[in-house]
Structures are given as structure tokens and as C-alpha cells.
Amino acid sequence: SYGQKLENGINEILLQSRVKGMVNRVGSMFSIFFNTDRVKKYSDIKGSSKFPEFFWNVIQKGILMPPSQYESMFFTISHDNEDLKRTLDAVKVAINVLTHE
């Protein structure tokens, strides 16, 4: 599924970049969290300050997403393989910016 491909792709980008983070996903609904490798409670994510910079870098690459890590993103049936590739490319650039802070 596209949701699984997106989750795997983002997690791989995080792993390669050594930026601590993870994707929480249920079906096509997902969120990206930084500074944690699991999310079980609010305190697992409340100290993350990386999301705003990540958000603006993804937006600058033309990928629209919610402005808060507490909101979910969705991959829909109207998205295709090209959208998946563009999204992963934008995420990779945005996460690489975080590695140069």
C-alpha cells in the first residue's frame, strides 16, 4: 500500500540521516515525530523542536502538510507513485536540513 511505502520510506530516510524520529501510521493516516523512537504518551514527544523547521522545508518543496506534529497527514487514492516519490524527495531534503543544524 502507499501508506506502507510512505512509512517505510520516511523511516529509512530518518535511519540514514541519523535524525532520531519515527512514523506513527494507521492505514493511510500518519504522523512524523522527532526525538523519539516510540510514541506511547504525550511526554514522549513534547520536547521535540524539530518539527517546525521540517514542516517549512517540506512546504517549500511543494508538499502540503499540517503545521503541527500533533495533526495527522493522509495519503489518499488520488495520490499516485509520482506523488509518493515527490513526497519522499521533499522529506529527504527537509530531514537533511535538520542534520546540519
PDB file of N, CA and C in Angstrom:
ATOM      1  N   SER A   1       0.832  -1.191   0.000  1.00  0.00           N
ATOM      2  CA  SER A   1       0.000   0.000   0.000  1.00  0.00           C
ATOM      3  C   SER A   1       0.876   1.255   0.000  1.00  0.00           C
ATOM      4  N   TYR A   2       0.301   2.355  -0.474  1.00  0.00           N
ATOM      5  CA  TYR A   2       1.036   3.618  -0.472  1.00  0.00           C
ATOM      6  C   TYR A   2       1.400   4.048   0.944  1.00  0.00           C
ATOM      7  N   GLY A   3       0.473   3.848   1.878  1.00  0.00           N
ATOM      8  CA  GLY A   3       0.748   4.210   3.267  1.00  0.00           C
ATOM      9  C   GLY A   3       1.966   3.486   3.806  1.00  0.00           C
ATOM     10  N   GLN A   4       2.054   2.206   3.536  1.00  0.00           N
ATOM     11  CA  GLN A   4       3.199   1.409   3.995  1.00  0.00           C
ATOM     12  C   GLN A   4       4.488   1.862   3.307  1.00  0.00           C
ATOM     13  N   LYS A   5       4.417   2.132   2.001  1.00  0.00           N
ATOM     14  CA  LYS A   5       5.592   2.597   1.269  1.00  0.00           C
ATOM     15  C   LYS A   5       6.075   3.942   1.808  1.00  0.00           C
ATOM     16  N   LEU A   6       5.133   4.823   2.110  1.00  0.00           N
ATOM     17  CA  LEU A   6       5.493   6.133   2.654  1.00  0.00           C
ATOM     18  C   LEU A   6       6.124   5.988   4.041  1.00  0.00           C
ATOM     19  N   GLU A   7       5.511   5.188   4.892  1.00  0.00           N
ATOM     20  CA  GLU A   7       6.063   4.951   6.232  1.00  0.00           C
ATOM     21  C   GLU A   7       7.470   4.367   6.141  1.00  0.00           C
ATOM     22  N   ASN A   8       7.641   3.333   5.342  1.00  0.00           N
ATOM     23  CA  ASN A   8       8.959   2.711   5.200  1.00  0.00           C
ATOM     24  C   ASN A   8       9.980   3.688   4.637  1.00  0.00           C
ATOM     25  N   GLY A   9       9.564   4.471   3.647  1.00  0.00           N
ATOM     26  CA  GLY A   9      10.479   5.430   3.033  1.00  0.00           C
ATOM     27  C   GLY A   9      10.937   6.497   4.014  1.00  0.00           C
ATOM     28  N   ILE A  10      10.008   7.051   4.788  1.00  0.00           N
ATOM     29  CA  ILE A  10      10.371   8.085   5.761  1.00  0.00           C
ATOM     30  C   ILE A  10      11.245   7.498   6.860  1.00  0.00           C
ATOM     31  N   ASN A  11      10.883   6.318   7.348  1.00  0.00           N
ATOM     32  CA  ASN A  11      11.711   5.693   8.385  1.00  0.00           C
ATOM     33  C   ASN A  11      13.117   5.391   7.881  1.00  0.00           C
ATOM     34  N   GLU A  12      13.242   5.013   6.623  1.00  0.00           N
ATOM     35  CA  GLU A  12      14.562   4.754   6.038  1.00  0.00           C
ATOM     36  C   GLU A  12      15.375   6.050   5.936  1.00  0.00           C
ATOM     37  N   ILE A  13      14.722   7.129   5.525  1.00  0.00           N
ATOM     38  CA  ILE A  13      15.389   8.434   5.449  1.00  0.00           C
ATOM     39  C   ILE A  13      15.881   8.846   6.841  1.00  0.00           C
ATOM     40  N   LEU A  14      15.032   8.679   7.854  1.00  0.00           N
ATOM     41  CA  LEU A  14      15.434   9.005   9.229  1.00  0.00           C
ATOM     42  C   LEU A  14      16.625   8.167   9.663  1.00  0.00           C
ATOM     43  N   LEU A  15      16.585   6.880   9.366  1.00  0.00           N
ATOM     44  CA  LEU A  15      17.676   5.981   9.743  1.00  0.00           C
ATOM     45  C   LEU A  15      18.983   6.390   9.063  1.00  0.00           C
ATOM     46  N   GLN A  16      18.936   6.642   7.764  1.00  0.00           N
ATOM     47  CA  GLN A  16      20.139   7.028   7.023  1.00  0.00           C
ATOM     48  C   GLN A  16      20.697   8.365   7.485  1.00  0.00           C
ATOM     49  N   SER A  17      19.826   9.283   7.876  1.00  0.00           N
ATOM     50  CA  SER A  17      20.273  10.621   8.268  1.00  0.00           C
ATOM     51  C   SER A  17      20.743  10.673   9.717  1.00  0.00           C
ATOM     52  N   ARG A  18      20.384   9.642  10.467  1.00  0.00           N
ATOM     53  CA  ARG A  18      20.680   9.579  11.908  1.00  0.00           C
ATOM     54  C   ARG A  18      19.929  10.639  12.707  1.00  0.00           C
ATOM     55  N   VAL A  19      18.840  11.147  12.142  1.00  0.00           N
ATOM     56  CA  VAL A  19      17.939  12.021  12.893  1.00  0.00           C
ATOM     57  C   VAL A  19      16.980  11.107  13.643  1.00  0.00           C
ATOM     58  N   LYS A  20      16.902  11.296  14.956  1.00  0.00           N
ATOM     59  CA  LYS A  20      16.033  10.439  15.757  1.00  0.00           C
ATOM     60  C   LYS A  20      14.580  10.814  15.498  1.00  0.00           C
ATOM     61  N   GLY A  21      13.810   9.832  15.056  1.00  0.00           N
ATOM     62  CA  GLY A  21      12.415  10.075  14.759  1.00  0.00           C
ATOM     63  C   GLY A  21      11.734   8.812  14.304  1.00  0.00           C
ATOM     64  N   MET A  22      10.425   8.914  14.081  1.00  0.00           N
ATOM     65  CA  MET A  22       9.659   7.760  13.638  1.00  0.00           C
ATOM     66  C   MET A  22       8.319   8.197  13.070  1.00  0.00           C
ATOM     67  N   VAL A  23       7.699   7.269  12.358  1.00  0.00           N
ATOM     68  CA  VAL A  23       6.377   7.492  11.792  1.00  0.00           C
ATOM     69  C   VAL A  23       5.382   6.638  12.565  1.00  0.00           C
ATOM     70  N   ASN A  24       4.306   7.237  13.019  1.00  0.00           N
ATOM     71  CA  ASN A  24       3.153   6.507  13.554  1.00  0.00           C
ATOM     72  C   ASN A  24       2.130   6.476  12.441  1.00  0.00           C
ATOM     73  N   ARG A  25       1.634   5.278  12.098  1.00  0.00           N
ATOM     74  CA  ARG A  25       0.696   5.184  10.976  1.00  0.00           C
ATOM     75  C   ARG A  25      -0.388   4.155  11.264  1.00  0.00           C
ATOM     76  N   VAL A  26      -1.584   4.498  10.864  1.00  0.00           N
ATOM     77  CA  VAL A  26      -2.710   3.564  10.820  1.00  0.00           C
ATOM     78  C   VAL A  26      -3.338   3.740   9.451  1.00  0.00           C
ATOM     79  N   GLY A  27      -3.238   2.722   8.611  1.00  0.00           N
ATOM     80  CA  GLY A  27      -3.769   2.820   7.251  1.00  0.00           C
ATOM     81  C   GLY A  27      -3.092   3.943   6.493  1.00  0.00           C
ATOM     82  N   SER A  28      -3.884   4.884   5.987  1.00  0.00           N
ATOM     83  CA  SER A  28      -3.311   5.993   5.208  1.00  0.00           C
ATOM     84  C   SER A  28      -3.108   7.248   6.068  1.00  0.00           C
ATOM     85  N   MET A  29      -3.367   7.155   7.366  1.00  0.00           N
ATOM     86  CA  MET A  29      -3.217   8.291   8.284  1.00  0.00           C
ATOM     87  C   MET A  29      -1.887   8.126   9.024  1.00  0.00           C
ATOM     88  N   PHE A  30      -1.056   9.189   9.008  1.00  0.00           N
ATOM     89  CA  PHE A  30       0.243   9.065   9.650  1.00  0.00           C
ATOM     90  C   PHE A  30       0.724  10.391  10.213  1.00  0.00           C
ATOM     91  N   SER A  31       1.674  10.308  11.133  1.00  0.00           N
ATOM     92  CA  SER A  31       2.338  11.475  11.719  1.00  0.00           C
ATOM     93  C   SER A  31       3.816  11.172  11.847  1.00  0.00           C
ATOM     94  N   ILE A  32       4.621  12.218  11.760  1.00  0.00           N
ATOM     95  CA  ILE A  32       6.071  12.093  11.932  1.00  0.00           C
ATOM     96  C   ILE A  32       6.434  12.752  13.251  1.00  0.00           C
ATOM     97  N   PHE A  33       7.200  12.037  14.052  1.00  0.00           N
ATOM     98  CA  PHE A  33       7.654  12.565  15.336  1.00  0.00           C
ATOM     99  C   PHE A  33       9.168  12.510  15.392  1.00  0.00           C
ATOM    100  N   PHE A  34       9.762  13.550  15.944  1.00  0.00           N
ATOM    101  CA  PHE A  34      11.212  13.619  16.089  1.00  0.00           C
ATOM    102  C   PHE A  34      11.606  13.451  17.553  1.00  0.00           C
ATOM    103  N   ASN A  35      12.871  13.116  17.774  1.00  0.00           N
ATOM    104  CA  ASN A  35      13.463  12.961  19.113  1.00  0.00           C
ATOM    105  C   ASN A  35      12.893  11.780  19.884  1.00  0.00           C
ATOM    106  N   THR A  36      12.346  10.819  19.191  1.00  0.00           N
ATOM    107  CA  THR A  36      11.816   9.640  19.867  1.00  0.00           C
ATOM    108  C   THR A  36      11.863   8.449  18.923  1.00  0.00           C
ATOM    109  N   ASP A  37      11.860   7.264  19.491  1.00  0.00           N
ATOM    110  CA  ASP A  37      11.768   6.064  18.663  1.00  0.00           C
ATOM    111  C   ASP A  37      10.470   5.310  18.948  1.00  0.00           C
ATOM    112  N   ARG A  38       9.644   5.893  19.828  1.00  0.00           N
ATOM    113  CA  ARG A  38       8.315   5.336  20.090  1.00  0.00           C
ATOM    114  C   ARG A  38       7.431   6.445  20.651  1.00  0.00           C
ATOM    115  N   VAL A  39       6.143   6.321  20.428  1.00  0.00           N
ATOM    116  CA  VAL A  39       5.198   7.276  21.000  1.00  0.00           C
ATOM    117  C   VAL A  39       4.126   6.479  21.719  1.00  0.00           C
ATOM    118  N   LYS A  40       4.140   6.581  23.019  1.00  0.00           N
ATOM    119  CA  LYS A  40       3.104   5.929  23.829  1.00  0.00           C
ATOM    120  C   LYS A  40       2.334   6.939  24.658  1.00  0.00           C
ATOM    121  N   LYS A  41       2.969   8.069  24.934  1.00  0.00           N
ATOM    122  CA  LYS A  41       2.308   9.109  25.721  1.00  0.00           C
ATOM    123  C   LYS A  41       2.870  10.467  25.306  1.00  0.00           C
ATOM    124  N   TYR A  42       2.152  11.511  25.699  1.00  0.00           N
ATOM    125  CA  TYR A  42       2.500  12.874  25.306  1.00  0.00           C
ATOM    126  C   TYR A  42       3.936  13.234  25.660  1.00  0.00           C
ATOM    127  N   SER A  43       4.416  12.816  26.812  1.00  0.00           N
ATOM    128  CA  SER A  43       5.776  13.179  27.228  1.00  0.00           C
ATOM    129  C   SER A  43       6.844  12.599  26.303  1.00  0.00           C
ATOM    130  N   ASP A  44       6.502  11.582  25.507  1.00  0.00           N
ATOM    131  CA  ASP A  44       7.464  11.023  24.549  1.00  0.00           C
ATOM    132  C   ASP A  44       7.786  12.000  23.421  1.00  0.00           C
ATOM    133  N   ILE A  45       6.901  12.973  23.163  1.00  0.00           N
ATOM    134  CA  ILE A  45       7.093  13.868  22.015  1.00  0.00           C
ATOM    135  C   ILE A  45       7.112  15.342  22.364  1.00  0.00           C
ATOM    136  N   LYS A  46       6.752  15.706  23.568  1.00  0.00           N
ATOM    137  CA  LYS A  46       6.578  17.128  23.872  1.00  0.00           C
ATOM    138  C   LYS A  46       7.870  17.937  23.813  1.00  0.00           C
ATOM    139  N   GLY A  47       9.032  17.312  23.888  1.00  0.00           N
ATOM    140  CA  GLY A  47      10.287  18.045  23.857  1.00  0.00           C
ATOM    141  C   GLY A  47      10.857  18.270  22.467  1.00  0.00           C
ATOM    142  N   SER A  48      10.142  17.847  21.438  1.00  0.00           N
ATOM    143  CA  SER A  48      10.666  17.959  20.084  1.00  0.00           C
ATOM    144  C   SER A  48      10.507  19.369  19.536  1.00  0.00           C
ATOM    145  N   SER A  49      11.612  19.937  19.089  1.00  0.00           N
ATOM    146  CA  SER A  49      11.565  21.274  18.496  1.00  0.00           C
ATOM    147  C   SER A  49      11.898  21.238  17.004  1.00  0.00           C
ATOM    148  N   LYS A  50      12.045  20.050  16.433  1.00  0.00           N
ATOM    149  CA  LYS A  50      12.469  19.931  15.035  1.00  0.00           C
ATOM    150  C   LYS A  50      11.317  20.039  14.038  1.00  0.00           C
ATOM    151  N   PHE A  51      10.100  19.769  14.478  1.00  0.00           N
ATOM    152  CA  PHE A  51       9.003  19.709  13.513  1.00  0.00           C
ATOM    153  C   PHE A  51       8.772  21.011  12.759  1.00  0.00           C
ATOM    154  N   PRO A  52       8.782  22.184  13.415  1.00  0.00           N
ATOM    155  CA  PRO A  52       8.522  23.422  12.648  1.00  0.00           C
ATOM    156  C   PRO A  52       9.489  23.624  11.471  1.00  0.00           C
ATOM    157  N   GLU A  53      10.760  23.409  11.700  1.00  0.00           N
ATOM    158  CA  GLU A  53      11.725  23.572  10.594  1.00  0.00           C
ATOM    159  C   GLU A  53      11.489  22.520   9.515  1.00  0.00           C
ATOM    160  N   PHE A  54      11.231  21.286   9.927  1.00  0.00           N
ATOM    161  CA  PHE A  54      10.902  20.223   8.978  1.00  0.00           C
ATOM    162  C   PHE A  54       9.682  20.618   8.142  1.00  0.00           C
ATOM    163  N   PHE A  55       8.631  21.078   8.820  1.00  0.00           N
ATOM    164  CA  PHE A  55       7.396  21.482   8.150  1.00  0.00           C
ATOM    165  C   PHE A  55       7.669  22.523   7.063  1.00  0.00           C
ATOM    166  N   TRP A  56       8.367  23.612   7.410  1.00  0.00           N
ATOM    167  CA  TRP A  56       8.601  24.685   6.442  1.00  0.00           C
ATOM    168  C   TRP A  56       9.455  24.224   5.272  1.00  0.00           C
ATOM    169  N   ASN A  57      10.402  23.336   5.510  1.00  0.00           N
ATOM    170  CA  ASN A  57      11.224  22.824   4.409  1.00  0.00           C
ATOM    171  C   ASN A  57      10.422  21.930   3.478  1.00  0.00           C
ATOM    172  N   VAL A  58       9.498  21.147   4.012  1.00  0.00           N
ATOM    173  CA  VAL A  58       8.635  20.317   3.160  1.00  0.00           C
ATOM    174  C   VAL A  58       7.681  21.197   2.358  1.00  0.00           C
ATOM    175  N   ILE A  59       7.105  22.210   3.004  1.00  0.00           N
ATOM    176  CA  ILE A  59       6.200  23.138   2.316  1.00  0.00           C
ATOM    177  C   ILE A  59       6.926  23.832   1.155  1.00  0.00           C
ATOM    178  N   GLN A  60       8.171  24.255   1.382  1.00  0.00           N
ATOM    179  CA  GLN A  60       8.944  24.922   0.321  1.00  0.00           C
ATOM    180  C   GLN A  60       9.179  24.007  -0.873  1.00  0.00           C
ATOM    181  N   LYS A  61       9.098  22.704  -0.672  1.00  0.00           N
ATOM    182  CA  LYS A  61       9.250  21.747  -1.770  1.00  0.00           C
ATOM    183  C   LYS A  61       7.911  21.401  -2.414  1.00  0.00           C
ATOM    184  N   GLY A  62       6.827  22.094  -1.986  1.00  0.00           N
ATOM    185  CA  GLY A  62       5.532  21.923  -2.624  1.00  0.00           C
ATOM    186  C   GLY A  62       4.667  20.807  -2.066  1.00  0.00           C
ATOM    187  N   ILE A  63       5.033  20.265  -0.933  1.00  0.00           N
ATOM    188  CA  ILE A  63       4.229  19.215  -0.304  1.00  0.00           C
ATOM    189  C   ILE A  63       3.448  19.846   0.842  1.00  0.00           C
ATOM    190  N   LEU A  64       2.129  19.784   0.752  1.00  0.00           N
ATOM    191  CA  LEU A  64       1.280  20.368   1.784  1.00  0.00           C
ATOM    192  C   LEU A  64       1.076  19.362   2.915  1.00  0.00           C
ATOM    193  N   MET A  65       1.222  19.861   4.132  1.00  0.00           N
ATOM    194  CA  MET A  65       1.034  19.016   5.303  1.00  0.00           C
ATOM    195  C   MET A  65       0.560  19.880   6.458  1.00  0.00           C
ATOM    196  N   PRO A  66      -0.027  19.268   7.500  1.00  0.00           N
ATOM    197  CA  PRO A  66      -0.473  20.072   8.638  1.00  0.00           C
ATOM    198  C   PRO A  66       0.709  20.698   9.366  1.00  0.00           C
ATOM    199  N   PRO A  67       0.506  21.883   9.938  1.00  0.00           N
ATOM    200  CA  PRO A  67       1.617  22.614  10.555  1.00  0.00           C
ATOM    201  C   PRO A  67       1.982  22.145  11.965  1.00  0.00           C
ATOM    202  N   SER A  68       1.394  21.069  12.438  1.00  0.00           N
ATOM    203  CA  SER A  68       1.672  20.581  13.787  1.00  0.00           C
ATOM    204  C   SER A  68       1.949  19.085  13.748  1.00  0.00           C
ATOM    205  N   GLN A  69       2.911  18.658  14.534  1.00  0.00           N
ATOM    206  CA  GLN A  69       3.189  17.225  14.597  1.00  0.00           C
ATOM    207  C   GLN A  69       2.055  16.459  15.276  1.00  0.00           C
ATOM    208  N   TYR A  70       1.129  17.169  15.900  1.00  0.00           N
ATOM    209  CA  TYR A  70       0.003  16.539  16.581  1.00  0.00           C
ATOM    210  C   TYR A  70      -1.187  16.311  15.666  1.00  0.00           C
ATOM    211  N   GLU A  71      -1.068  16.723  14.421  1.00  0.00           N
ATOM    212  CA  GLU A  71      -2.118  16.506  13.428  1.00  0.00           C
ATOM    213  C   GLU A  71      -1.662  15.414  12.476  1.00  0.00           C
ATOM    214  N   SER A  72      -2.609  14.668  11.940  1.00  0.00           N
ATOM    215  CA  SER A  72      -2.278  13.575  11.029  1.00  0.00           C
ATOM    216  C   SER A  72      -2.233  14.043   9.584  1.00  0.00           C
ATOM    217  N   MET A  73      -1.405  13.363   8.814  1.00  0.00           N
ATOM    218  CA  MET A  73      -1.357  13.546   7.368  1.00  0.00           C
ATOM    219  C   MET A  73      -2.062  12.344   6.749  1.00  0.00           C
ATOM    220  N   PHE A  74      -2.494  12.498   5.503  1.00  0.00           N
ATOM    221  CA  PHE A  74      -3.217  11.423   4.837  1.00  0.00           C
ATOM    222  C   PHE A  74      -2.674  11.212   3.437  1.00  0.00           C
ATOM    223  N   PHE A  75      -2.557   9.965   3.046  1.00  0.00           N
ATOM    224  CA  PHE A  75      -2.237   9.582   1.686  1.00  0.00           C
ATOM    225  C   PHE A  75      -3.517   8.987   1.132  1.00  0.00           C
ATOM    226  N   THR A  76      -4.067   9.554   0.044  1.00  0.00           N
ATOM    227  CA  THR A  76      -5.387   9.147  -0.454  1.00  0.00           C
ATOM    228  C   THR A  76      -5.296   8.396  -1.776  1.00  0.00           C
ATOM    229  N   ILE A  77      -6.439   7.896  -2.229  1.00  0.00           N
ATOM    230  CA  ILE A  77      -6.462   7.172  -3.504  1.00  0.00           C
ATOM    231  C   ILE A  77      -6.205   8.094  -4.689  1.00  0.00           C
ATOM    232  N   SER A  78      -6.282   9.399  -4.471  1.00  0.00           N
ATOM    233  CA  SER A  78      -5.980  10.321  -5.574  1.00  0.00           C
ATOM    234  C   SER A  78      -4.474  10.521  -5.746  1.00  0.00           C
ATOM    235  N   HIS A  79      -3.674  10.078  -4.780  1.00  0.00           N
ATOM    236  CA  HIS A  79      -2.224  10.152  -4.887  1.00  0.00           C
ATOM    237  C   HIS A  79      -1.702   8.949  -5.676  1.00  0.00           C
ATOM    238  N   ASP A  80      -0.602   9.160  -6.380  1.00  0.00           N
ATOM    239  CA  ASP A  80      -0.027   8.079  -7.181  1.00  0.00           C
ATOM    240  C   ASP A  80       1.458   7.922  -6.873  1.00  0.00           C
ATOM    241  N   ASN A  81       2.131   7.088  -7.641  1.00  0.00           N
ATOM    242  CA  ASN A  81       3.552   6.824  -7.401  1.00  0.00           C
ATOM    243  C   ASN A  81       4.409   8.080  -7.529  1.00  0.00           C
ATOM    244  N   GLU A  82       4.040   8.973  -8.436  1.00  0.00           N
ATOM    245  CA  GLU A  82       4.790  10.224  -8.587  1.00  0.00           C
ATOM    246  C   GLU A  82       4.631  11.096  -7.342  1.00  0.00           C
ATOM    247  N   ASP A  83       3.426  11.137  -6.771  1.00  0.00           N
ATOM    248  CA  ASP A  83       3.215  11.880  -5.521  1.00  0.00           C
ATOM    249  C   ASP A  83       4.031  11.274  -4.385  1.00  0.00           C
ATOM    250  N   LEU A  84       4.075   9.965  -4.330  1.00  0.00           N
ATOM    251  CA  LEU A  84       4.869   9.273  -3.317  1.00  0.00           C
ATOM    252  C   LEU A  84       6.342   9.651  -3.448  1.00  0.00           C
ATOM    253  N   LYS A  85       6.854   9.619  -4.669  1.00  0.00           N
ATOM    254  CA  LYS A  85       8.256   9.963  -4.903  1.00  0.00           C
ATOM    255  C   LYS A  85       8.533  11.422  -4.538  1.00  0.00           C
ATOM    256  N   ARG A  86       7.663  12.342  -4.971  1.00  0.00           N
ATOM    257  CA  ARG A  86       7.844  13.767  -4.651  1.00  0.00           C
ATOM    258  C   ARG A  86       7.827  13.996  -3.139  1.00  0.00           C
ATOM    259  N   THR A  87       6.920  13.301  -2.453  1.00  0.00           N
ATOM    260  CA  THR A  87       6.826  13.448  -1.002  1.00  0.00           C
ATOM    261  C   THR A  87       8.093  12.949  -0.328  1.00  0.00           C
ATOM    262  N   LEU A  88       8.554  11.777  -0.711  1.00  0.00           N
ATOM    263  CA  LEU A  88       9.777  11.229  -0.101  1.00  0.00           C
ATOM    264  C   LEU A  88      10.996  12.086  -0.429  1.00  0.00           C
ATOM    265  N   ASP A  89      11.063  12.630  -1.643  1.00  0.00           N
ATOM    266  CA  ASP A  89      12.170  13.528  -2.001  1.00  0.00           C
ATOM    267  C   ASP A  89      12.157  14.781  -1.120  1.00  0.00           C
ATOM    268  N   ALA A  90      10.974  15.359  -0.915  1.00  0.00           N
ATOM    269  CA  ALA A  90      10.854  16.560  -0.077  1.00  0.00           C
ATOM    270  C   ALA A  90      11.203  16.247   1.372  1.00  0.00           C
ATOM    271  N   VAL A  91      10.733  15.113   1.867  1.00  0.00           N
ATOM    272  CA  VAL A  91      11.050  14.705   3.241  1.00  0.00           C
ATOM    273  C   VAL A  91      12.551  14.516   3.400  1.00  0.00           C
ATOM    274  N   LYS A  92      13.191  13.908   2.423  1.00  0.00           N
ATOM    275  CA  LYS A  92      14.640  13.681   2.499  1.00  0.00           C
ATOM    276  C   LYS A  92      15.397  15.004   2.582  1.00  0.00           C
ATOM    277  N   VAL A  93      15.030  15.957   1.745  1.00  0.00           N
ATOM    278  CA  VAL A  93      15.679  17.275   1.775  1.00  0.00           C
ATOM    279  C   VAL A  93      15.450  17.935   3.131  1.00  0.00           C
ATOM    280  N   ALA A  94      14.204  17.901   3.610  1.00  0.00           N
ATOM    281  CA  ALA A  94      13.869  18.553   4.879  1.00  0.00           C
ATOM    282  C   ALA A  94      14.598  17.914   6.050  1.00  0.00           C
ATOM    283  N   ILE A  95      14.711  16.608   6.063  1.00  0.00           N
ATOM    284  CA  ILE A  95      15.424  15.930   7.150  1.00  0.00           C
ATOM    285  C   ILE A  95      16.917  16.177   7.044  1.00  0.00           C
ATOM    286  N   ASN A  96      17.442  16.243   5.837  1.00  0.00           N
ATOM    287  CA  ASN A  96      18.872  16.552   5.687  1.00  0.00           C
ATOM    288  C   ASN A  96      19.209  17.941   6.199  1.00  0.00           C
ATOM    289  N   VAL A  97      18.279  18.900   6.059  1.00  0.00           N
ATOM    290  CA  VAL A  97      18.482  20.230   6.622  1.00  0.00           C
ATOM    291  C   VAL A  97      18.611  20.126   8.145  1.00  0.00           C
ATOM    292  N   LEU A  98      17.818  19.259   8.759  1.00  0.00           N
ATOM    293  CA  LEU A  98      17.878  19.097  10.219  1.00  0.00           C
ATOM    294  C   LEU A  98      19.228  18.548  10.690  1.00  0.00           C
ATOM    295  N   THR A  99      19.897  17.795   9.825  1.00  0.00           N
ATOM    296  CA  THR A  99      21.197  17.224  10.215  1.00  0.00           C
ATOM    297  C   THR A  99      22.305  18.276  10.203  1.00  0.00           C
ATOM    298  N   HIS A 100      22.046  19.425   9.606  1.00  0.00           N
ATOM    299  CA  HIS A 100      23.063  20.482   9.518  1.00  0.00           C
ATOM    300  C   HIS A 100      22.787  21.647  10.465  1.00  0.00           C
ATOM    301  N   GLU A 101      21.996  21.375  11.500  1.00  0.00           N
ATOM    302  CA  GLU A 101      21.701  22.430  12.480  1.00  0.00           C
ATOM    303  C   GLU A 101      22.892  22.660  13.389  1.00  0.00           C
TER     304      GLU A 101
END
